[in-house]
């Protein structure tokens, strides 16, 4: 996370998250939701892109930590 402040404004703080950080935070706060979406996405990727796995696509998109979480969800639902 980065702390962004307007020039000279020390009262305004903004947390800027990467996609990986944001998705990991979603999994931290609502793992059952991520589990449900992971199941749907697994079917989508298997039907449309059988040569690319969901986790490989996430890593390629810059979300390696979230990809590890998704992999665990996939394993727990196997």
PDB file of N, CA and C in Angstrom:
ATOM      1  N   UNK A   1       0.835  -1.162   0.000  1.00  0.00           N
ATOM      2  CA  UNK A   1       0.000   0.000   0.000  1.00  0.00           C
ATOM      3  C   UNK A   1       0.888   1.236   0.000  1.00  0.00           C
ATOM      4  N   UNK A   2       0.406   2.225  -0.681  1.00  0.00           N
ATOM      5  CA  UNK A   2       1.129   3.487  -0.707  1.00  0.00           C
ATOM      6  C   UNK A   2       0.272   4.564  -0.066  1.00  0.00           C
ATOM      7  N   UNK A   3       0.892   5.491   0.589  1.00  0.00           N
ATOM      8  CA  UNK A   3       0.216   6.619   1.204  1.00  0.00           C
ATOM      9  C   UNK A   3       0.339   7.801   0.246  1.00  0.00           C
ATOM     10  N   UNK A   4      -0.769   8.207  -0.329  1.00  0.00           N
ATOM     11  CA  UNK A   4      -0.762   9.336  -1.248  1.00  0.00           C
ATOM     12  C   UNK A   4      -1.386  10.541  -0.574  1.00  0.00           C
ATOM     13  N   UNK A   5      -0.685  11.618  -0.585  1.00  0.00           N
ATOM     14  CA  UNK A   5      -1.205  12.853   0.005  1.00  0.00           C
ATOM     15  C   UNK A   5      -1.118  13.964  -1.023  1.00  0.00           C
ATOM     16  N   UNK A   6      -2.109  14.801  -0.998  1.00  0.00           N
ATOM     17  CA  UNK A   6      -2.051  15.977  -1.860  1.00  0.00           C
ATOM     18  C   UNK A   6      -0.908  16.849  -1.385  1.00  0.00           C
ATOM     19  N   UNK A   7      -0.341  17.567  -2.302  1.00  0.00           N
ATOM     20  CA  UNK A   7       0.784  18.446  -1.980  1.00  0.00           C
ATOM     21  C   UNK A   7       0.418  19.377  -0.828  1.00  0.00           C
ATOM     22  N   UNK A   8       1.120  19.265   0.271  1.00  0.00           N
ATOM     23  CA  UNK A   8       0.903  20.123   1.414  1.00  0.00           C
ATOM     24  C   UNK A   8      -0.268  19.739   2.296  1.00  0.00           C
ATOM     25  N   UNK A   9      -1.000  18.693   1.967  1.00  0.00           N
ATOM     26  CA  UNK A   9      -2.176  18.293   2.743  1.00  0.00           C
ATOM     27  C   UNK A   9      -1.842  17.030   3.516  1.00  0.00           C
ATOM     28  N   UNK A  10      -1.517  17.187   4.791  1.00  0.00           N
ATOM     29  CA  UNK A  10      -1.141  16.027   5.595  1.00  0.00           C
ATOM     30  C   UNK A  10      -2.349  15.321   6.191  1.00  0.00           C
ATOM     31  N   UNK A  11      -3.550  15.903   6.080  1.00  0.00           N
ATOM     32  CA  UNK A  11      -4.744  15.293   6.670  1.00  0.00           C
ATOM     33  C   UNK A  11      -5.386  14.270   5.744  1.00  0.00           C
ATOM     34  N   UNK A  12      -5.139  14.366   4.458  1.00  0.00           N
ATOM     35  CA  UNK A  12      -5.771  13.454   3.497  1.00  0.00           C
ATOM     36  C   UNK A  12      -4.851  12.273   3.212  1.00  0.00           C
ATOM     37  N   UNK A  13      -5.306  11.094   3.574  1.00  0.00           N
ATOM     38  CA  UNK A  13      -4.546   9.884   3.289  1.00  0.00           C
ATOM     39  C   UNK A  13      -5.400   8.936   2.466  1.00  0.00           C
ATOM     40  N   UNK A  14      -4.797   8.337   1.467  1.00  0.00           N
ATOM     41  CA  UNK A  14      -5.474   7.394   0.609  1.00  0.00           C
ATOM     42  C   UNK A  14      -4.641   6.124   0.540  1.00  0.00           C
ATOM     43  N   UNK A  15      -5.276   5.002   0.715  1.00  0.00           N
ATOM     44  CA  UNK A  15      -4.578   3.734   0.562  1.00  0.00           C
ATOM     45  C   UNK A  15      -4.819   3.239  -0.850  1.00  0.00           C
ATOM     46  N   UNK A  16      -3.766   3.093  -1.593  1.00  0.00           N
ATOM     47  CA  UNK A  16      -3.856   2.599  -2.957  1.00  0.00           C
ATOM     48  C   UNK A  16      -3.382   1.152  -2.945  1.00  0.00           C
ATOM     49  N   UNK A  17      -4.269   0.251  -3.335  1.00  0.00           N
ATOM     50  CA  UNK A  17      -3.953  -1.173  -3.337  1.00  0.00           C
ATOM     51  C   UNK A  17      -3.730  -1.658  -4.761  1.00  0.00           C
ATOM     52  N   UNK A  18      -2.826  -2.596  -4.906  1.00  0.00           N
ATOM     53  CA  UNK A  18      -2.710  -3.283  -6.188  1.00  0.00           C
ATOM     54  C   UNK A  18      -3.898  -4.233  -6.314  1.00  0.00           C
ATOM     55  N   UNK A  19      -4.135  -4.731  -7.490  1.00  0.00           N
ATOM     56  CA  UNK A  19      -5.210  -5.712  -7.672  1.00  0.00           C
ATOM     57  C   UNK A  19      -4.969  -6.927  -6.789  1.00  0.00           C
ATOM     58  N   UNK A  20      -3.725  -7.360  -6.698  1.00  0.00           N
ATOM     59  CA  UNK A  20      -3.380  -8.511  -5.876  1.00  0.00           C
ATOM     60  C   UNK A  20      -3.703  -8.250  -4.406  1.00  0.00           C
ATOM     61  N   UNK A  21      -3.344  -7.065  -3.907  1.00  0.00           N
ATOM     62  CA  UNK A  21      -3.634  -6.717  -2.519  1.00  0.00           C
ATOM     63  C   UNK A  21      -5.140  -6.642  -2.273  1.00  0.00           C
ATOM     64  N   UNK A  22      -5.853  -6.028  -3.208  1.00  0.00           N
ATOM     65  CA  UNK A  22      -7.302  -5.890  -3.051  1.00  0.00           C
ATOM     66  C   UNK A  22      -7.996  -7.251  -3.037  1.00  0.00           C
ATOM     67  N   UNK A  23      -7.659  -8.108  -3.993  1.00  0.00           N
ATOM     68  CA  UNK A  23      -8.300  -9.418  -4.067  1.00  0.00           C
ATOM     69  C   UNK A  23      -7.948 -10.275  -2.852  1.00  0.00           C
ATOM     70  N   UNK A  24      -6.727 -10.159  -2.360  1.00  0.00           N
ATOM     71  CA  UNK A  24      -6.337 -10.880  -1.154  1.00  0.00           C
ATOM     72  C   UNK A  24      -7.141 -10.376   0.046  1.00  0.00           C
ATOM     73  N   UNK A  25      -7.358  -9.070   0.114  1.00  0.00           N
ATOM     74  CA  UNK A  25      -8.181  -8.497   1.174  1.00  0.00           C
ATOM     75  C   UNK A  25      -9.622  -9.014   1.091  1.00  0.00           C
ATOM     76  N   UNK A  26     -10.151  -9.130  -0.111  1.00  0.00           N
ATOM     77  CA  UNK A  26     -11.497  -9.685  -0.281  1.00  0.00           C
ATOM     78  C   UNK A  26     -11.536 -11.113   0.261  1.00  0.00           C
ATOM     79  N   UNK A  27     -10.507 -11.902  -0.043  1.00  0.00           N
ATOM     80  CA  UNK A  27     -10.461 -13.278   0.459  1.00  0.00           C
ATOM     81  C   UNK A  27     -10.326 -13.303   1.980  1.00  0.00           C
ATOM     82  N   UNK A  28      -9.599 -12.364   2.544  1.00  0.00           N
ATOM     83  CA  UNK A  28      -9.479 -12.282   4.001  1.00  0.00           C
ATOM     84  C   UNK A  28     -10.832 -12.019   4.660  1.00  0.00           C
ATOM     85  N   UNK A  29     -11.623 -11.156   4.045  1.00  0.00           N
ATOM     86  CA  UNK A  29     -12.882 -10.733   4.660  1.00  0.00           C
ATOM     87  C   UNK A  29     -14.078 -11.580   4.265  1.00  0.00           C
ATOM     88  N   UNK A  30     -14.012 -12.239   3.117  1.00  0.00           N
ATOM     89  CA  UNK A  30     -15.161 -13.034   2.661  1.00  0.00           C
ATOM     90  C   UNK A  30     -14.706 -14.264   1.881  1.00  0.00           C
ATOM     91  N   UNK A  31     -14.050 -15.205   2.546  1.00  0.00           N
ATOM     92  CA  UNK A  31     -13.533 -16.380   1.834  1.00  0.00           C
ATOM     93  C   UNK A  31     -14.622 -17.235   1.188  1.00  0.00           C
ATOM     94  N   UNK A  32     -15.809 -17.261   1.771  1.00  0.00           N
ATOM     95  CA  UNK A  32     -16.878 -18.063   1.160  1.00  0.00           C
ATOM     96  C   UNK A  32     -17.305 -17.475  -0.179  1.00  0.00           C
ATOM     97  N   UNK A  33     -17.277 -16.170  -0.298  1.00  0.00           N
ATOM     98  CA  UNK A  33     -17.596 -15.528  -1.570  1.00  0.00           C
ATOM     99  C   UNK A  33     -16.529 -15.856  -2.605  1.00  0.00           C
ATOM    100  N   UNK A  34     -15.281 -15.765  -2.207  1.00  0.00           N
ATOM    101  CA  UNK A  34     -14.185 -16.090  -3.131  1.00  0.00           C
ATOM    102  C   UNK A  34     -14.269 -17.559  -3.537  1.00  0.00           C
ATOM    103  N   UNK A  35     -14.620 -18.425  -2.608  1.00  0.00           N
ATOM    104  CA  UNK A  35     -14.788 -19.854  -2.924  1.00  0.00           C
ATOM    105  C   UNK A  35     -15.862 -20.051  -3.989  1.00  0.00           C
ATOM    106  N   UNK A  36     -17.000 -19.390  -3.821  1.00  0.00           N
ATOM    107  CA  UNK A  36     -18.104 -19.537  -4.775  1.00  0.00           C
ATOM    108  C   UNK A  36     -17.710 -19.012  -6.156  1.00  0.00           C
ATOM    109  N   UNK A  37     -17.067 -17.863  -6.194  1.00  0.00           N
ATOM    110  CA  UNK A  37     -16.648 -17.293  -7.477  1.00  0.00           C
ATOM    111  C   UNK A  37     -15.557 -18.150  -8.108  1.00  0.00           C
ATOM    112  N   UNK A  38     -14.662 -18.681  -7.286  1.00  0.00           N
ATOM    113  CA  UNK A  38     -13.610 -19.558  -7.793  1.00  0.00           C
ATOM    114  C   UNK A  38     -14.204 -20.776  -8.484  1.00  0.00           C
ATOM    115  N   UNK A  39     -15.235 -21.360  -7.905  1.00  0.00           N
ATOM    116  CA  UNK A  39     -15.870 -22.522  -8.530  1.00  0.00           C
ATOM    117  C   UNK A  39     -16.462 -22.173  -9.886  1.00  0.00           C
ATOM    118  N   UNK A  40     -17.111 -21.029  -9.968  1.00  0.00           N
ATOM    119  CA  UNK A  40     -17.683 -20.612 -11.255  1.00  0.00           C
ATOM    120  C   UNK A  40     -16.594 -20.296 -12.274  1.00  0.00           C
ATOM    121  N   UNK A  41     -15.548 -19.639 -11.832  1.00  0.00           N
ATOM    122  CA  UNK A  41     -14.454 -19.296 -12.735  1.00  0.00           C
ATOM    123  C   UNK A  41     -13.709 -20.530 -13.212  1.00  0.00           C
ATOM    124  N   UNK A  42     -13.570 -21.530 -12.350  1.00  0.00           N
ATOM    125  CA  UNK A  42     -12.917 -22.775 -12.771  1.00  0.00           C
ATOM    126  C   UNK A  42     -13.661 -23.397 -13.944  1.00  0.00           C
ATOM    127  N   UNK A  43     -14.983 -23.445 -13.856  1.00  0.00           N
ATOM    128  CA  UNK A  43     -15.785 -23.992 -14.959  1.00  0.00           C
ATOM    129  C   UNK A  43     -15.637 -23.143 -16.215  1.00  0.00           C
ATOM    130  N   UNK A  44     -15.663 -21.822 -16.046  1.00  0.00           N
ATOM    131  CA  UNK A  44     -15.518 -20.921 -17.196  1.00  0.00           C
ATOM    132  C   UNK A  44     -14.190 -21.170 -17.911  1.00  0.00           C
ATOM    133  N   UNK A  45     -13.090 -21.186 -17.164  1.00  0.00           N
ATOM    134  CA  UNK A  45     -11.777 -21.365 -17.765  1.00  0.00           C
ATOM    135  C   UNK A  45     -11.607 -22.747 -18.372  1.00  0.00           C
ATOM    136  N   UNK A  46     -12.183 -23.752 -17.755  1.00  0.00           N
ATOM    137  CA  UNK A  46     -12.074 -25.119 -18.301  1.00  0.00           C
ATOM    138  C   UNK A  46     -12.798 -25.229 -19.636  1.00  0.00           C
ATOM    139  N   UNK A  47     -13.932 -24.554 -19.763  1.00  0.00           N
ATOM    140  CA  UNK A  47     -14.710 -24.615 -21.003  1.00  0.00           C
ATOM    141  C   UNK A  47     -14.121 -23.766 -22.126  1.00  0.00           C
ATOM    142  N   UNK A  48     -13.552 -22.641 -21.802  1.00  0.00           N
ATOM    143  CA  UNK A  48     -13.142 -21.694 -22.823  1.00  0.00           C
ATOM    144  C   UNK A  48     -11.643 -21.642 -23.086  1.00  0.00           C
ATOM    145  N   UNK A  49     -10.857 -21.899 -22.086  1.00  0.00           N
ATOM    146  CA  UNK A  49      -9.399 -21.814 -22.227  1.00  0.00           C
ATOM    147  C   UNK A  49      -8.740 -23.017 -21.569  1.00  0.00           C
ATOM    148  N   UNK A  50      -8.954 -24.214 -22.091  1.00  0.00           N
ATOM    149  CA  UNK A  50      -8.430 -25.403 -21.412  1.00  0.00           C
ATOM    150  C   UNK A  50      -6.905 -25.436 -21.306  1.00  0.00           C
ATOM    151  N   UNK A  51      -6.209 -24.645 -22.105  1.00  0.00           N
ATOM    152  CA  UNK A  51      -4.743 -24.652 -22.031  1.00  0.00           C
ATOM    153  C   UNK A  51      -4.203 -23.669 -21.009  1.00  0.00           C
ATOM    154  N   UNK A  52      -5.068 -22.824 -20.448  1.00  0.00           N
ATOM    155  CA  UNK A  52      -4.651 -21.846 -19.444  1.00  0.00           C
ATOM    156  C   UNK A  52      -5.467 -22.080 -18.178  1.00  0.00           C
ATOM    157  N   UNK A  53      -4.774 -22.245 -17.057  1.00  0.00           N
ATOM    158  CA  UNK A  53      -5.499 -22.443 -15.801  1.00  0.00           C
ATOM    159  C   UNK A  53      -5.890 -21.093 -15.210  1.00  0.00           C
ATOM    160  N   UNK A  54      -6.877 -21.119 -14.351  1.00  0.00           N
ATOM    161  CA  UNK A  54      -7.309 -19.914 -13.666  1.00  0.00           C
ATOM    162  C   UNK A  54      -6.154 -19.304 -12.878  1.00  0.00           C
ATOM    163  N   UNK A  55      -5.423 -20.122 -12.157  1.00  0.00           N
ATOM    164  CA  UNK A  55      -4.325 -19.583 -11.349  1.00  0.00           C
ATOM    165  C   UNK A  55      -3.209 -19.018 -12.226  1.00  0.00           C
ATOM    166  N   UNK A  56      -2.926 -19.650 -13.349  1.00  0.00           N
ATOM    167  CA  UNK A  56      -1.904 -19.120 -14.264  1.00  0.00           C
ATOM    168  C   UNK A  56      -2.339 -17.768 -14.824  1.00  0.00           C
ATOM    169  N   UNK A  57      -3.614 -17.629 -15.116  1.00  0.00           N
ATOM    170  CA  UNK A  57      -4.127 -16.358 -15.624  1.00  0.00           C
ATOM    171  C   UNK A  57      -4.005 -15.268 -14.566  1.00  0.00           C
ATOM    172  N   UNK A  58      -4.260 -15.614 -13.313  1.00  0.00           N
ATOM    173  CA  UNK A  58      -4.131 -14.633 -12.235  1.00  0.00           C
ATOM    174  C   UNK A  58      -2.680 -14.204 -12.045  1.00  0.00           C
ATOM    175  N   UNK A  59      -1.766 -15.146 -12.089  1.00  0.00           N
ATOM    176  CA  UNK A  59      -0.338 -14.821 -11.970  1.00  0.00           C
ATOM    177  C   UNK A  59       0.074 -13.918 -13.127  1.00  0.00           C
ATOM    178  N   UNK A  60      -0.349 -14.267 -14.327  1.00  0.00           N
ATOM    179  CA  UNK A  60      -0.020 -13.479 -15.506  1.00  0.00           C
ATOM    180  C   UNK A  60      -0.587 -12.063 -15.416  1.00  0.00           C
ATOM    181  N   UNK A  61      -1.723 -11.925 -14.757  1.00  0.00           N
ATOM    182  CA  UNK A  61      -2.363 -10.617 -14.602  1.00  0.00           C
ATOM    183  C   UNK A  61      -1.769  -9.813 -13.445  1.00  0.00           C
ATOM    184  N   UNK A  62      -0.799 -10.374 -12.735  1.00  0.00           N
ATOM    185  CA  UNK A  62      -0.139  -9.644 -11.661  1.00  0.00           C
ATOM    186  C   UNK A  62      -0.732  -9.868 -10.284  1.00  0.00           C
ATOM    187  N   UNK A  63      -1.401 -10.997 -10.095  1.00  0.00           N
ATOM    188  CA  UNK A  63      -1.996 -11.304  -8.792  1.00  0.00           C
ATOM    189  C   UNK A  63      -1.505 -12.655  -8.271  1.00  0.00           C
ATOM    190  N   UNK A  64      -0.198 -12.786  -8.041  1.00  0.00           N
ATOM    191  CA  UNK A  64       0.343 -14.081  -7.630  1.00  0.00           C
ATOM    192  C   UNK A  64      -0.104 -14.547  -6.244  1.00  0.00           C
ATOM    193  N   UNK A  65      -0.232 -13.636  -5.299  1.00  0.00           N
ATOM    194  CA  UNK A  65      -0.667 -14.036  -3.957  1.00  0.00           C
ATOM    195  C   UNK A  65      -2.123 -14.489  -3.977  1.00  0.00           C
ATOM    196  N   UNK A  66      -2.955 -13.765  -4.706  1.00  0.00           N
ATOM    197  CA  UNK A  66      -4.353 -14.165  -4.821  1.00  0.00           C
ATOM    198  C   UNK A  66      -4.454 -15.496  -5.560  1.00  0.00           C
ATOM    199  N   UNK A  67      -3.597 -15.719  -6.532  1.00  0.00           N
ATOM    200  CA  UNK A  67      -3.593 -16.997  -7.251  1.00  0.00           C
ATOM    201  C   UNK A  67      -3.331 -18.154  -6.294  1.00  0.00           C
ATOM    202  N   UNK A  68      -2.442 -17.960  -5.320  1.00  0.00           N
ATOM    203  CA  UNK A  68      -2.187 -19.008  -4.322  1.00  0.00           C
ATOM    204  C   UNK A  68      -3.445 -19.282  -3.497  1.00  0.00           C
ATOM    205  N   UNK A  69      -4.171 -18.220  -3.164  1.00  0.00           N
ATOM    206  CA  UNK A  69      -5.411 -18.390  -2.401  1.00  0.00           C
ATOM    207  C   UNK A  69      -6.444 -19.144  -3.225  1.00  0.00           C
ATOM    208  N   UNK A  70      -6.549 -18.784  -4.486  1.00  0.00           N
ATOM    209  CA  UNK A  70      -7.495 -19.463  -5.371  1.00  0.00           C
ATOM    210  C   UNK A  70      -7.130 -20.930  -5.499  1.00  0.00           C
ATOM    211  N   UNK A  71      -5.862 -21.217  -5.608  1.00  0.00           N
ATOM    212  CA  UNK A  71      -5.405 -22.612  -5.684  1.00  0.00           C
ATOM    213  C   UNK A  71      -5.838 -23.388  -4.456  1.00  0.00           C
ATOM    214  N   UNK A  72      -5.724 -22.785  -3.276  1.00  0.00           N
ATOM    215  CA  UNK A  72      -6.177 -23.450  -2.050  1.00  0.00           C
ATOM    216  C   UNK A  72      -7.684 -23.676  -2.068  1.00  0.00           C
ATOM    217  N   UNK A  73      -8.440 -22.707  -2.570  1.00  0.00           N
ATOM    218  CA  UNK A  73      -9.891 -22.886  -2.691  1.00  0.00           C
ATOM    219  C   UNK A  73     -10.213 -24.030  -3.653  1.00  0.00           C
ATOM    220  N   UNK A  74      -9.478 -24.103  -4.750  1.00  0.00           N
ATOM    221  CA  UNK A  74      -9.694 -25.176  -5.715  1.00  0.00           C
ATOM    222  C   UNK A  74      -9.392 -26.538  -5.089  1.00  0.00           C
ATOM    223  N   UNK A  75      -8.315 -26.607  -4.338  1.00  0.00           N
ATOM    224  CA  UNK A  75      -7.936 -27.881  -3.695  1.00  0.00           C
ATOM    225  C   UNK A  75      -8.945 -28.290  -2.628  1.00  0.00           C
ATOM    226  N   UNK A  76      -9.485 -27.328  -1.914  1.00  0.00           N
ATOM    227  CA  UNK A  76     -10.440 -27.669  -0.855  1.00  0.00           C
ATOM    228  C   UNK A  76     -11.786 -28.090  -1.410  1.00  0.00           C
ATOM    229  N   UNK A  77     -12.029 -27.780  -2.677  1.00  0.00           N
ATOM    230  CA  UNK A  77     -13.305 -28.125  -3.298  1.00  0.00           C
ATOM    231  C   UNK A  77     -13.180 -29.313  -4.242  1.00  0.00           C
ATOM    232  N   UNK A  78     -11.975 -29.887  -4.332  1.00  0.00           N
ATOM    233  CA  UNK A  78     -11.749 -31.003  -5.264  1.00  0.00           C
ATOM    234  C   UNK A  78     -12.388 -32.285  -4.770  1.00  0.00           C
TER     235      UNK A  78
END
